Amino acid sequence: MSEQRDFSGFALGVMAFTIWGLVPIYFKALEHVPPLEVLGHRVFWSALLLLPLLKITGKISELKQIFSSIKLSVTLTLSAILVGANWLIFIWGVTNDRILETSLGYYINPLFNVLLGYLFLNEKLSPLKQIAILLATVAVIYQILMLGIVPWVAFALATCFGLYGLVRKKTQVEAVPGLAFETLILLPVTLGYFFWLYKSGYQSFRFSDPHTSLLLSLAGLVTTVPLVLFITAAKKLTLTTIGILQYLGPSISFLVGLFVYKEEVTQAQLITFGLIWLALIIFTFDGLRKKSSPMNQTPNSAKTQR
């Protein structure tokens, strides 16, 4: 029974991260639409999907609790701004032929999370984690020196998502109710922006272009489906397995950018990615080593922050 549970959880986890890895294909199909408008539709349709989902799962009361708490509302308003910025930068990066750089950002993110934990949560850095972070730093500095360009998309994605995870970790709010609150907080601004687009005649969502309108209306599914799959998987898997699976998403995105959209990759970029991958191998090995230690054999728990 346990093996079946682990297998189903692993399969769901692979599905979730595979969708996240293939998501650039969806946003690339909308490259003719301004990134801010795509973001607006992601917020709007996600809110429409998340509210019924909370009702069906009996978690609408958790959303009400967030609204009734000033502290939670303020904290999750900050996380809403961070996740909105993360989504916008990602959409802009994909539609401007920087899929490889977006994947670099999500490779860096786990290492950046460790650094944030050390700086703000008093978490200890093991010698191997220190080496991993040092390697990642050297990799980025090398790319800057060789190309003379700061990979700001990667930095921005890692920073926004890392800070988002830090804020969400301090709230102890489940993923779906939290995301529902975040989208609802962003919704008034989104509706105001949509009204301005409509009055100006610049909106891309129109009956005369059913293909684009259909793609935009799928933004909610693109956001919520992998999240629900991930939450279900997280309840059945160890955090170590989830930690390893998280590299599947940016790896698929990297391959999509390289082979599907033929993004140019220089030798300096390959060396940068190579050093980042080495850092992640060290980082993952350190996590597995600690997990197998007798002192760390604790019951499994599932925390979802995405």
C-alpha atoms as a PDB file:
ATOM      1  CA  MET A   1       0.000   0.000   0.000  1.00  0.00           C
ATOM      2  CA  SER A   2       2.882   2.316   0.892  1.00  0.00           C
ATOM      3  CA  GLU A   3       4.659   1.515  -2.405  1.00  0.00           C
ATOM      4  CA  GLN A   4       1.471   2.256  -4.352  1.00  0.00           C
ATOM      5  CA  ARG A   5       1.076   5.545  -2.477  1.00  0.00           C
ATOM      6  CA  ASP A   6       4.688   6.513  -3.222  1.00  0.00           C
ATOM      7  CA  PHE A   7       4.341   5.605  -6.901  1.00  0.00           C
ATOM      8  CA  SER A   8       1.111   7.587  -7.359  1.00  0.00           C
ATOM      9  CA  GLY A   9       2.659  10.538  -5.553  1.00  0.00           C
ATOM     10  CA  PHE A  10       5.783  10.330  -7.715  1.00  0.00           C
ATOM     11  CA  ALA A  11       3.689  10.150 -10.895  1.00  0.00           C
ATOM     12  CA  LEU A  12       1.642  13.189  -9.869  1.00  0.00           C
ATOM     13  CA  GLY A  13       4.815  15.074  -8.958  1.00  0.00           C
ATOM     14  CA  VAL A  14       6.373  14.295 -12.328  1.00  0.00           C
ATOM     15  CA  MET A  15       3.187  15.489 -14.050  1.00  0.00           C
ATOM     16  CA  ALA A  16       3.190  18.755 -12.067  1.00  0.00           C
ATOM     17  CA  PHE A  17       6.812  19.631 -12.771  1.00  0.00           C
ATOM     18  CA  THR A  18       6.524  18.506 -16.392  1.00  0.00           C
ATOM     19  CA  ILE A  19       3.645  20.941 -16.916  1.00  0.00           C
ATOM     20  CA  TRP A  20       5.672  23.705 -15.257  1.00  0.00           C
ATOM     21  CA  GLY A  21       8.579  22.822 -17.544  1.00  0.00           C
ATOM     22  CA  LEU A  22       6.405  22.936 -20.676  1.00  0.00           C
ATOM     23  CA  VAL A  23       4.593  26.145 -19.672  1.00  0.00           C
ATOM     24  CA  PRO A  24       6.921  28.308 -21.842  1.00  0.00           C
ATOM     25  CA  ILE A  25       5.244  26.752 -24.897  1.00  0.00           C
ATOM     26  CA  TYR A  26       1.902  28.135 -23.738  1.00  0.00           C
ATOM     27  CA  PHE A  27       3.213  31.641 -23.076  1.00  0.00           C
ATOM     28  CA  LYS A  28       5.239  31.582 -26.298  1.00  0.00           C
ATOM     29  CA  ALA A  29       1.952  31.075 -28.169  1.00  0.00           C
ATOM     30  CA  LEU A  30       0.824  34.373 -26.610  1.00  0.00           C
ATOM     31  CA  GLU A  31       3.940  36.380 -27.477  1.00  0.00           C
ATOM     32  CA  HIS A  32       1.813  38.715 -29.614  1.00  0.00           C
ATOM     33  CA  VAL A  33      -0.086  39.756 -26.463  1.00  0.00           C
ATOM     34  CA  PRO A  34       1.561  42.274 -24.058  1.00  0.00           C
ATOM     35  CA  PRO A  35       2.980  40.429 -20.995  1.00  0.00           C
ATOM     36  CA  LEU A  36       0.992  42.637 -18.599  1.00  0.00           C
ATOM     37  CA  GLU A  37      -2.261  41.646 -20.298  1.00  0.00           C
ATOM     38  CA  VAL A  38      -1.308  37.956 -20.158  1.00  0.00           C
ATOM     39  CA  LEU A  39      -0.577  38.403 -16.448  1.00  0.00           C
ATOM     40  CA  GLY A  40      -3.999  39.995 -15.989  1.00  0.00           C
ATOM     41  CA  HIS A  41      -5.706  36.994 -17.542  1.00  0.00           C
ATOM     42  CA  ARG A  42      -3.639  34.643 -15.399  1.00  0.00           C
ATOM     43  CA  VAL A  43      -4.894  36.448 -12.295  1.00  0.00           C
ATOM     44  CA  PHE A  44      -8.502  36.737 -13.500  1.00  0.00           C
ATOM     45  CA  TRP A  45      -9.036  33.143 -14.658  1.00  0.00           C
ATOM     46  CA  SER A  46      -7.108  31.696 -11.711  1.00  0.00           C
ATOM     47  CA  ALA A  47      -9.409  33.526  -9.298  1.00  0.00           C
ATOM     48  CA  LEU A  48     -12.471  32.174 -11.122  1.00  0.00           C
ATOM     49  CA  LEU A  49     -11.150  28.616 -10.866  1.00  0.00           C
ATOM     50  CA  LEU A  50      -9.772  28.737  -7.327  1.00  0.00           C
ATOM     51  CA  LEU A  51     -12.981  29.909  -5.642  1.00  0.00           C
ATOM     52  CA  PRO A  52     -15.091  26.926  -6.815  1.00  0.00           C
ATOM     53  CA  LEU A  53     -12.140  24.634  -6.020  1.00  0.00           C
ATOM     54  CA  LEU A  54     -12.073  25.896  -2.435  1.00  0.00           C
ATOM     55  CA  LYS A  55     -15.827  25.421  -2.185  1.00  0.00           C
ATOM     56  CA  ILE A  56     -15.641  21.843  -3.477  1.00  0.00           C
ATOM     57  CA  THR A  57     -12.753  20.916  -1.163  1.00  0.00           C
ATOM     58  CA  GLY A  58     -14.413  22.561   1.840  1.00  0.00           C
ATOM     59  CA  LYS A  59     -11.612  25.066   2.347  1.00  0.00           C
ATOM     60  CA  ILE A  60     -13.518  28.278   1.697  1.00  0.00           C
ATOM     61  CA  SER A  61     -13.456  28.877   5.471  1.00  0.00           C
ATOM     62  CA  GLU A  62      -9.642  29.065   5.327  1.00  0.00           C
ATOM     63  CA  LEU A  63      -9.918  31.878   2.790  1.00  0.00           C
ATOM     64  CA  LYS A  64     -12.341  33.697   5.079  1.00  0.00           C
ATOM     65  CA  GLN A  65      -9.893  33.321   7.974  1.00  0.00           C
ATOM     66  CA  ILE A  66      -7.185  35.009   5.923  1.00  0.00           C
ATOM     67  CA  PHE A  67      -9.457  37.974   5.160  1.00  0.00           C
ATOM     68  CA  SER A  68     -10.464  38.222   8.832  1.00  0.00           C
ATOM     69  CA  SER A  69      -6.838  38.431   9.994  1.00  0.00           C
ATOM     70  CA  ILE A  70      -5.122  41.782   9.406  1.00  0.00           C
ATOM     71  CA  LYS A  71      -1.678  40.229   9.881  1.00  0.00           C
ATOM     72  CA  LEU A  72      -2.316  37.442   7.365  1.00  0.00           C
ATOM     73  CA  SER A  73      -3.969  39.824   4.904  1.00  0.00           C
ATOM     74  CA  VAL A  74      -1.016  42.222   4.974  1.00  0.00           C
ATOM     75  CA  THR A  75       1.533  39.413   4.705  1.00  0.00           C
ATOM     76  CA  LEU A  76      -0.241  37.707   1.824  1.00  0.00           C
ATOM     77  CA  THR A  77      -0.739  41.026   0.043  1.00  0.00           C
ATOM     78  CA  LEU A  78       3.055  41.261   0.012  1.00  0.00           C
ATOM     79  CA  SER A  79       3.297  37.688  -1.297  1.00  0.00           C
ATOM     80  CA  ALA A  80       0.695  38.565  -3.960  1.00  0.00           C
ATOM     81  CA  ILE A  81       2.900  41.399  -5.203  1.00  0.00           C
ATOM     82  CA  LEU A  82       5.920  39.077  -5.260  1.00  0.00           C
ATOM     83  CA  VAL A  83       4.171  36.257  -7.129  1.00  0.00           C
ATOM     84  CA  GLY A  84       2.637  38.770  -9.554  1.00  0.00           C
ATOM     85  CA  ALA A  85       6.095  40.195 -10.264  1.00  0.00           C
ATOM     86  CA  ASN A  86       7.474  36.676 -10.688  1.00  0.00           C
ATOM     87  CA  TRP A  87       4.735  35.761 -13.173  1.00  0.00           C
ATOM     88  CA  LEU A  88       5.217  38.991 -15.138  1.00  0.00           C
ATOM     89  CA  ILE A  89       9.003  38.599 -15.398  1.00  0.00           C
ATOM     90  CA  PHE A  90       8.632  34.968 -16.432  1.00  0.00           C
ATOM     91  CA  ILE A  91       6.073  35.805 -19.139  1.00  0.00           C
ATOM     92  CA  TRP A  92       8.269  38.656 -20.406  1.00  0.00           C
ATOM     93  CA  GLY A  93      11.345  36.425 -20.440  1.00  0.00           C
ATOM     94  CA  VAL A  94       9.623  33.627 -22.379  1.00  0.00           C
ATOM     95  CA  THR A  95       8.070  35.951 -24.964  1.00  0.00           C
ATOM     96  CA  ASN A  96      11.383  37.753 -25.467  1.00  0.00           C
ATOM     97  CA  ASP A  97      13.405  34.627 -26.305  1.00  0.00           C
ATOM     98  CA  ARG A  98      14.945  34.193 -22.846  1.00  0.00           C
ATOM     99  CA  ILE A  99      13.609  30.763 -21.924  1.00  0.00           C
ATOM    100  CA  LEU A 100      17.132  29.555 -21.114  1.00  0.00           C
ATOM    101  CA  GLU A 101      17.588  32.456 -18.729  1.00  0.00           C
ATOM    102  CA  THR A 102      14.265  31.754 -17.027  1.00  0.00           C
ATOM    103  CA  SER A 103      15.350  28.145 -16.484  1.00  0.00           C
ATOM    104  CA  LEU A 104      18.611  29.434 -14.996  1.00  0.00           C
ATOM    105  CA  GLY A 105      16.573  31.495 -12.543  1.00  0.00           C
ATOM    106  CA  TYR A 106      14.699  28.421 -11.308  1.00  0.00           C
ATOM    107  CA  TYR A 107      17.945  26.438 -11.067  1.00  0.00           C
ATOM    108  CA  ILE A 108      19.392  29.179  -8.868  1.00  0.00           C
ATOM    109  CA  ASN A 109      16.222  29.439  -6.771  1.00  0.00           C
ATOM    110  CA  PRO A 110      16.836  26.439  -4.418  1.00  0.00           C
ATOM    111  CA  LEU A 111      20.303  27.747  -3.613  1.00  0.00           C
ATOM    112  CA  PHE A 112      18.937  31.251  -3.093  1.00  0.00           C
ATOM    113  CA  ASN A 113      16.313  29.782  -0.747  1.00  0.00           C
ATOM    114  CA  VAL A 114      19.070  28.247   1.367  1.00  0.00           C
ATOM    115  CA  LEU A 115      20.802  31.630   1.552  1.00  0.00           C
ATOM    116  CA  LEU A 116      17.549  33.326   2.609  1.00  0.00           C
ATOM    117  CA  GLY A 117      17.042  30.670   5.272  1.00  0.00           C
ATOM    118  CA  TYR A 118      20.508  31.380   6.602  1.00  0.00           C
ATOM    119  CA  LEU A 119      19.983  35.157   6.595  1.00  0.00           C
ATOM    120  CA  PHE A 120      16.413  35.369   7.911  1.00  0.00           C
ATOM    121  CA  LEU A 121      15.511  32.062   9.578  1.00  0.00           C
ATOM    122  CA  ASN A 122      18.772  31.273  11.376  1.00  0.00           C
ATOM    123  CA  GLU A 123      19.145  28.043   9.409  1.00  0.00           C
ATOM    124  CA  LYS A 124      22.645  26.586   9.392  1.00  0.00           C
ATOM    125  CA  LEU A 125      24.695  26.241   6.232  1.00  0.00           C
ATOM    126  CA  SER A 126      26.546  22.929   6.012  1.00  0.00           C
ATOM    127  CA  PRO A 127      30.012  22.950   4.393  1.00  0.00           C
ATOM    128  CA  LEU A 128      28.581  21.285   1.264  1.00  0.00           C
ATOM    129  CA  LYS A 129      25.793  23.861   0.977  1.00  0.00           C
ATOM    130  CA  GLN A 130      28.391  26.626   1.312  1.00  0.00           C
ATOM    131  CA  ILE A 131      30.350  25.060  -1.553  1.00  0.00           C
ATOM    132  CA  ALA A 132      27.160  24.803  -3.662  1.00  0.00           C
ATOM    133  CA  ILE A 133      26.295  28.473  -3.121  1.00  0.00           C
ATOM    134  CA  LEU A 134      29.907  29.482  -3.861  1.00  0.00           C
ATOM    135  CA  LEU A 135      29.854  27.500  -7.120  1.00  0.00           C
ATOM    136  CA  ALA A 136      26.592  29.150  -8.186  1.00  0.00           C
ATOM    137  CA  THR A 137      28.037  32.581  -7.400  1.00  0.00           C
ATOM    138  CA  VAL A 138      31.183  31.822  -9.404  1.00  0.00           C
ATOM    139  CA  ALA A 139      29.020  30.601 -12.305  1.00  0.00           C
ATOM    140  CA  VAL A 140      27.003  33.810 -12.489  1.00  0.00           C
ATOM    141  CA  ILE A 141      30.060  36.043 -12.089  1.00  0.00           C
ATOM    142  CA  TYR A 142      31.799  34.086 -14.857  1.00  0.00           C
ATOM    143  CA  GLN A 143      28.871  34.658 -17.239  1.00  0.00           C
ATOM    144  CA  ILE A 144      28.811  38.372 -16.435  1.00  0.00           C
ATOM    145  CA  LEU A 145      32.556  38.711 -17.076  1.00  0.00           C
ATOM    146  CA  MET A 146      32.524  36.644 -20.279  1.00  0.00           C
ATOM    147  CA  LEU A 147      29.365  38.066 -21.845  1.00  0.00           C
ATOM    148  CA  GLY A 148      29.348  41.484 -20.208  1.00  0.00           C
ATOM    149  CA  ILE A 149      25.640  41.024 -19.516  1.00  0.00           C
ATOM    150  CA  VAL A 150      23.930  40.594 -16.164  1.00  0.00           C
ATOM    151  CA  PRO A 151      21.327  37.757 -16.372  1.00  0.00           C
ATOM    152  CA  TRP A 152      18.754  39.999 -14.706  1.00  0.00           C
ATOM    153  CA  VAL A 153      15.779  37.830 -15.695  1.00  0.00           C
ATOM    154  CA  ALA A 154      17.292  34.863 -13.845  1.00  0.00           C
ATOM    155  CA  PHE A 155      18.210  37.054 -10.851  1.00  0.00           C
ATOM    156  CA  ALA A 156      14.766  38.642 -10.712  1.00  0.00           C
ATOM    157  CA  LEU A 157      12.936  35.310 -10.934  1.00  0.00           C
ATOM    158  CA  ALA A 158      15.083  33.705  -8.235  1.00  0.00           C
ATOM    159  CA  THR A 159      14.755  36.770  -5.995  1.00  0.00           C
ATOM    160  CA  CYS A 160      10.973  37.202  -6.369  1.00  0.00           C
ATOM    161  CA  PHE A 161      10.206  33.515  -5.982  1.00  0.00           C
ATOM    162  CA  GLY A 162      12.688  33.107  -3.139  1.00  0.00           C
ATOM    163  CA  LEU A 163      11.212  36.033  -1.207  1.00  0.00           C
ATOM    164  CA  TYR A 164       7.727  34.748  -2.034  1.00  0.00           C
ATOM    165  CA  GLY A 165       8.596  31.374  -0.524  1.00  0.00           C
ATOM    166  CA  LEU A 166      10.070  33.084   2.549  1.00  0.00           C
ATOM    167  CA  VAL A 167       6.910  35.136   3.109  1.00  0.00           C
ATOM    168  CA  ARG A 168       4.628  32.138   2.562  1.00  0.00           C
ATOM    169  CA  LYS A 169       6.701  29.998   4.924  1.00  0.00           C
ATOM    170  CA  LYS A 170       6.084  32.476   7.723  1.00  0.00           C
ATOM    171  CA  THR A 171       2.300  32.488   7.176  1.00  0.00           C
ATOM    172  CA  GLN A 172       1.624  28.735   7.529  1.00  0.00           C
ATOM    173  CA  VAL A 173      -1.252  29.075   5.046  1.00  0.00           C
ATOM    174  CA  GLU A 174      -2.007  26.228   2.649  1.00  0.00           C
ATOM    175  CA  ALA A 175      -1.149  26.720  -1.008  1.00  0.00           C
ATOM    176  CA  VAL A 176      -4.617  26.882  -2.614  1.00  0.00           C
ATOM    177  CA  PRO A 177      -6.324  29.214  -0.074  1.00  0.00           C
ATOM    178  CA  GLY A 178      -3.206  31.381  -0.094  1.00  0.00           C
ATOM    179  CA  LEU A 179      -3.091  31.601  -3.888  1.00  0.00           C
ATOM    180  CA  ALA A 180      -6.827  32.315  -3.973  1.00  0.00           C
ATOM    181  CA  PHE A 181      -6.315  35.275  -1.629  1.00  0.00           C
ATOM    182  CA  GLU A 182      -3.358  36.513  -3.700  1.00  0.00           C
ATOM    183  CA  THR A 183      -5.314  36.433  -6.947  1.00  0.00           C
ATOM    184  CA  LEU A 184      -8.324  38.114  -5.330  1.00  0.00           C
ATOM    185  CA  ILE A 185      -6.096  40.892  -3.971  1.00  0.00           C
ATOM    186  CA  LEU A 186      -4.658  41.448  -7.456  1.00  0.00           C
ATOM    187  CA  LEU A 187      -8.092  41.184  -9.098  1.00  0.00           C
ATOM    188  CA  PRO A 188      -9.303  44.814  -8.605  1.00  0.00           C
ATOM    189  CA  VAL A 189      -6.165  46.181 -10.279  1.00  0.00           C
ATOM    190  CA  THR A 190      -6.556  43.568 -13.013  1.00  0.00           C
ATOM    191  CA  LEU A 191     -10.185  44.520 -13.686  1.00  0.00           C
ATOM    192  CA  GLY A 192      -9.237  48.208 -13.765  1.00  0.00           C
ATOM    193  CA  TYR A 193      -6.514  47.435 -16.297  1.00  0.00           C
ATOM    194  CA  PHE A 194      -8.947  45.376 -18.401  1.00  0.00           C
ATOM    195  CA  PHE A 195     -11.434  48.273 -18.366  1.00  0.00           C
ATOM    196  CA  TRP A 196      -8.712  50.644 -19.580  1.00  0.00           C
ATOM    197  CA  LEU A 197      -7.754  48.203 -22.356  1.00  0.00           C
ATOM    198  CA  TYR A 198     -11.391  47.919 -23.419  1.00  0.00           C
ATOM    199  CA  LYS A 199     -11.952  51.696 -23.467  1.00  0.00           C
ATOM    200  CA  SER A 200      -8.719  52.200 -25.396  1.00  0.00           C
ATOM    201  CA  GLY A 201      -9.472  49.416 -27.857  1.00  0.00           C
ATOM    202  CA  TYR A 202      -6.192  47.635 -27.085  1.00  0.00           C
ATOM    203  CA  GLN A 203      -7.598  44.435 -25.577  1.00  0.00           C
ATOM    204  CA  SER A 204      -6.456  41.147 -27.111  1.00  0.00           C
ATOM    205  CA  PHE A 205      -9.410  39.174 -25.711  1.00  0.00           C
ATOM    206  CA  ARG A 206     -12.058  39.692 -28.394  1.00  0.00           C
ATOM    207  CA  PHE A 207     -14.558  37.660 -30.421  1.00  0.00           C
ATOM    208  CA  SER A 208     -12.769  38.569 -33.646  1.00  0.00           C
ATOM    209  CA  ASP A 209      -9.727  36.588 -32.478  1.00  0.00           C
ATOM    210  CA  PRO A 210     -11.117  33.362 -30.943  1.00  0.00           C
ATOM    211  CA  HIS A 211      -7.718  31.612 -30.974  1.00  0.00           C
ATOM    212  CA  THR A 212      -6.051  34.235 -28.781  1.00  0.00           C
ATOM    213  CA  SER A 213      -9.127  34.554 -26.565  1.00  0.00           C
ATOM    214  CA  LEU A 214      -9.221  30.797 -25.980  1.00  0.00           C
ATOM    215  CA  LEU A 215      -5.525  30.731 -25.090  1.00  0.00           C
ATOM    216  CA  LEU A 216      -5.965  33.599 -22.632  1.00  0.00           C
ATOM    217  CA  SER A 217      -8.939  31.896 -20.992  1.00  0.00           C
ATOM    218  CA  LEU A 218      -6.772  28.825 -20.353  1.00  0.00           C
ATOM    219  CA  ALA A 219      -4.393  30.860 -18.165  1.00  0.00           C
ATOM    220  CA  GLY A 220      -6.231  29.793 -15.016  1.00  0.00           C
ATOM    221  CA  LEU A 221      -5.894  26.098 -15.833  1.00  0.00           C
ATOM    222  CA  VAL A 222      -2.204  26.537 -16.627  1.00  0.00           C
ATOM    223  CA  THR A 223      -1.777  28.021 -13.152  1.00  0.00           C
ATOM    224  CA  THR A 224      -4.022  25.828 -11.009  1.00  0.00           C
ATOM    225  CA  VAL A 225      -3.719  22.326 -12.534  1.00  0.00           C
ATOM    226  CA  PRO A 226       0.011  21.813 -11.825  1.00  0.00           C
ATOM    227  CA  LEU A 227      -0.452  23.388  -8.391  1.00  0.00           C
ATOM    228  CA  VAL A 228      -3.208  20.914  -7.456  1.00  0.00           C
ATOM    229  CA  LEU A 229      -1.138  18.014  -8.816  1.00  0.00           C
ATOM    230  CA  PHE A 230       1.846  19.187  -6.794  1.00  0.00           C
ATOM    231  CA  ILE A 231      -0.173  19.549  -3.570  1.00  0.00           C
ATOM    232  CA  THR A 232      -1.587  16.033  -3.993  1.00  0.00           C
ATOM    233  CA  ALA A 233       1.881  14.635  -4.700  1.00  0.00           C
ATOM    234  CA  ALA A 234       3.461  16.456  -1.752  1.00  0.00           C
ATOM    235  CA  LYS A 235       1.121  14.696   0.648  1.00  0.00           C
ATOM    236  CA  LYS A 236       2.408  11.326  -0.547  1.00  0.00           C
ATOM    237  CA  LEU A 237       6.126  12.035  -0.971  1.00  0.00           C
ATOM    238  CA  THR A 238       9.054  12.885   1.240  1.00  0.00           C
ATOM    239  CA  LEU A 239      10.472  16.394   1.043  1.00  0.00           C
ATOM    240  CA  THR A 240      13.707  14.887  -0.297  1.00  0.00           C
ATOM    241  CA  THR A 241      11.901  13.395  -3.308  1.00  0.00           C
ATOM    242  CA  ILE A 242      10.090  16.678  -3.919  1.00  0.00           C
ATOM    243  CA  GLY A 243      13.417  18.514  -3.694  1.00  0.00           C
ATOM    244  CA  ILE A 244      14.883  16.324  -6.427  1.00  0.00           C
ATOM    245  CA  LEU A 245      11.781  16.546  -8.630  1.00  0.00           C
ATOM    246  CA  GLN A 246      11.868  20.358  -8.571  1.00  0.00           C
ATOM    247  CA  TYR A 247      14.822  20.313 -10.989  1.00  0.00           C
ATOM    248  CA  LEU A 248      12.662  18.586 -13.603  1.00  0.00           C
ATOM    249  CA  GLY A 249      10.774  21.796 -14.439  1.00  0.00           C
ATOM    250  CA  PRO A 250      13.728  24.047 -15.339  1.00  0.00           C
ATOM    251  CA  SER A 251      15.454  21.112 -17.075  1.00  0.00           C
ATOM    252  CA  ILE A 252      12.476  20.666 -19.414  1.00  0.00           C
ATOM    253  CA  SER A 253      12.304  24.449 -19.961  1.00  0.00           C
ATOM    254  CA  PHE A 254      16.012  24.456 -20.808  1.00  0.00           C
ATOM    255  CA  LEU A 255      15.475  21.739 -23.438  1.00  0.00           C
ATOM    256  CA  VAL A 256      12.408  23.538 -24.809  1.00  0.00           C
ATOM    257  CA  GLY A 257      14.345  26.783 -25.220  1.00  0.00           C
ATOM    258  CA  LEU A 258      17.340  25.007 -26.751  1.00  0.00           C
ATOM    259  CA  PHE A 259      15.693  22.554 -29.134  1.00  0.00           C
ATOM    260  CA  VAL A 260      12.145  23.815 -29.756  1.00  0.00           C
ATOM    261  CA  TYR A 261      12.786  27.551 -30.039  1.00  0.00           C
ATOM    262  CA  LYS A 262      16.480  27.295 -31.023  1.00  0.00           C
ATOM    263  CA  GLU A 263      17.648  29.917 -28.532  1.00  0.00           C
ATOM    264  CA  GLU A 264      21.335  30.633 -28.932  1.00  0.00           C
ATOM    265  CA  VAL A 265      23.581  29.300 -26.195  1.00  0.00           C
ATOM    266  CA  THR A 266      27.192  30.400 -25.897  1.00  0.00           C
ATOM    267  CA  GLN A 267      30.128  28.497 -24.441  1.00  0.00           C
ATOM    268  CA  ALA A 268      30.091  30.853 -21.456  1.00  0.00           C
ATOM    269  CA  GLN A 269      26.422  30.048 -20.821  1.00  0.00           C
ATOM    270  CA  LEU A 270      27.085  26.302 -21.057  1.00  0.00           C
ATOM    271  CA  ILE A 271      29.893  26.631 -18.511  1.00  0.00           C
ATOM    272  CA  THR A 272      27.563  28.662 -16.293  1.00  0.00           C
ATOM    273  CA  PHE A 273      24.851  26.005 -16.476  1.00  0.00           C
ATOM    274  CA  GLY A 274      27.457  23.297 -15.897  1.00  0.00           C
ATOM    275  CA  LEU A 275      28.631  24.951 -12.688  1.00  0.00           C
ATOM    276  CA  ILE A 276      25.029  25.479 -11.541  1.00  0.00           C
ATOM    277  CA  TRP A 277      24.211  21.811 -12.209  1.00  0.00           C
ATOM    278  CA  LEU A 278      27.318  20.776 -10.248  1.00  0.00           C
ATOM    279  CA  ALA A 279      26.211  23.027  -7.390  1.00  0.00           C
ATOM    280  CA  LEU A 280      22.752  21.429  -7.439  1.00  0.00           C
ATOM    281  CA  ILE A 281      24.242  17.918  -7.415  1.00  0.00           C
ATOM    282  CA  ILE A 282      26.273  18.836  -4.312  1.00  0.00           C
ATOM    283  CA  PHE A 283      23.219  20.497  -2.760  1.00  0.00           C
ATOM    284  CA  THR A 284      21.020  17.439  -3.425  1.00  0.00           C
ATOM    285  CA  PHE A 285      23.691  15.008  -2.202  1.00  0.00           C
ATOM    286  CA  ASP A 286      23.964  16.946   1.046  1.00  0.00           C
ATOM    287  CA  GLY A 287      20.181  16.762   1.509  1.00  0.00           C
ATOM    288  CA  LEU A 288      20.107  13.014   0.811  1.00  0.00           C
ATOM    289  CA  ARG A 289      23.044  12.403   3.155  1.00  0.00           C
ATOM    290  CA  LYS A 290      21.306  14.229   6.004  1.00  0.00           C
ATOM    291  CA  LYS A 291      18.015  12.478   5.272  1.00  0.00           C
ATOM    292  CA  SER A 292      19.634   9.051   5.611  1.00  0.00           C
ATOM    293  CA  SER A 293      21.272   9.972   8.913  1.00  0.00           C
ATOM    294  CA  PRO A 294      19.678   8.130  11.905  1.00  0.00           C
ATOM    295  CA  MET A 295      19.291  11.443  13.729  1.00  0.00           C
ATOM    296  CA  ASN A 296      17.126  12.750  10.902  1.00  0.00           C
ATOM    297  CA  GLN A 297      14.673   9.858  10.594  1.00  0.00           C
ATOM    298  CA  THR A 298      11.494  11.806  11.358  1.00  0.00           C
ATOM    299  CA  PRO A 299       7.929  11.187  10.117  1.00  0.00           C
ATOM    300  CA  ASN A 300       7.151  12.513   6.656  1.00  0.00           C
ATOM    301  CA  SER A 301       5.393  15.832   6.359  1.00  0.00           C
ATOM    302  CA  ALA A 302       4.092  17.697   3.367  1.00  0.00           C
ATOM    303  CA  LYS A 303       4.611  21.416   3.000  1.00  0.00           C
ATOM    304  CA  THR A 304       3.529  23.088  -0.182  1.00  0.00           C
ATOM    305  CA  GLN A 305       4.900  26.441  -1.247  1.00  0.00           C
ATOM    306  CA  ARG A 306       4.831  27.185  -4.902  1.00  0.00           C
END
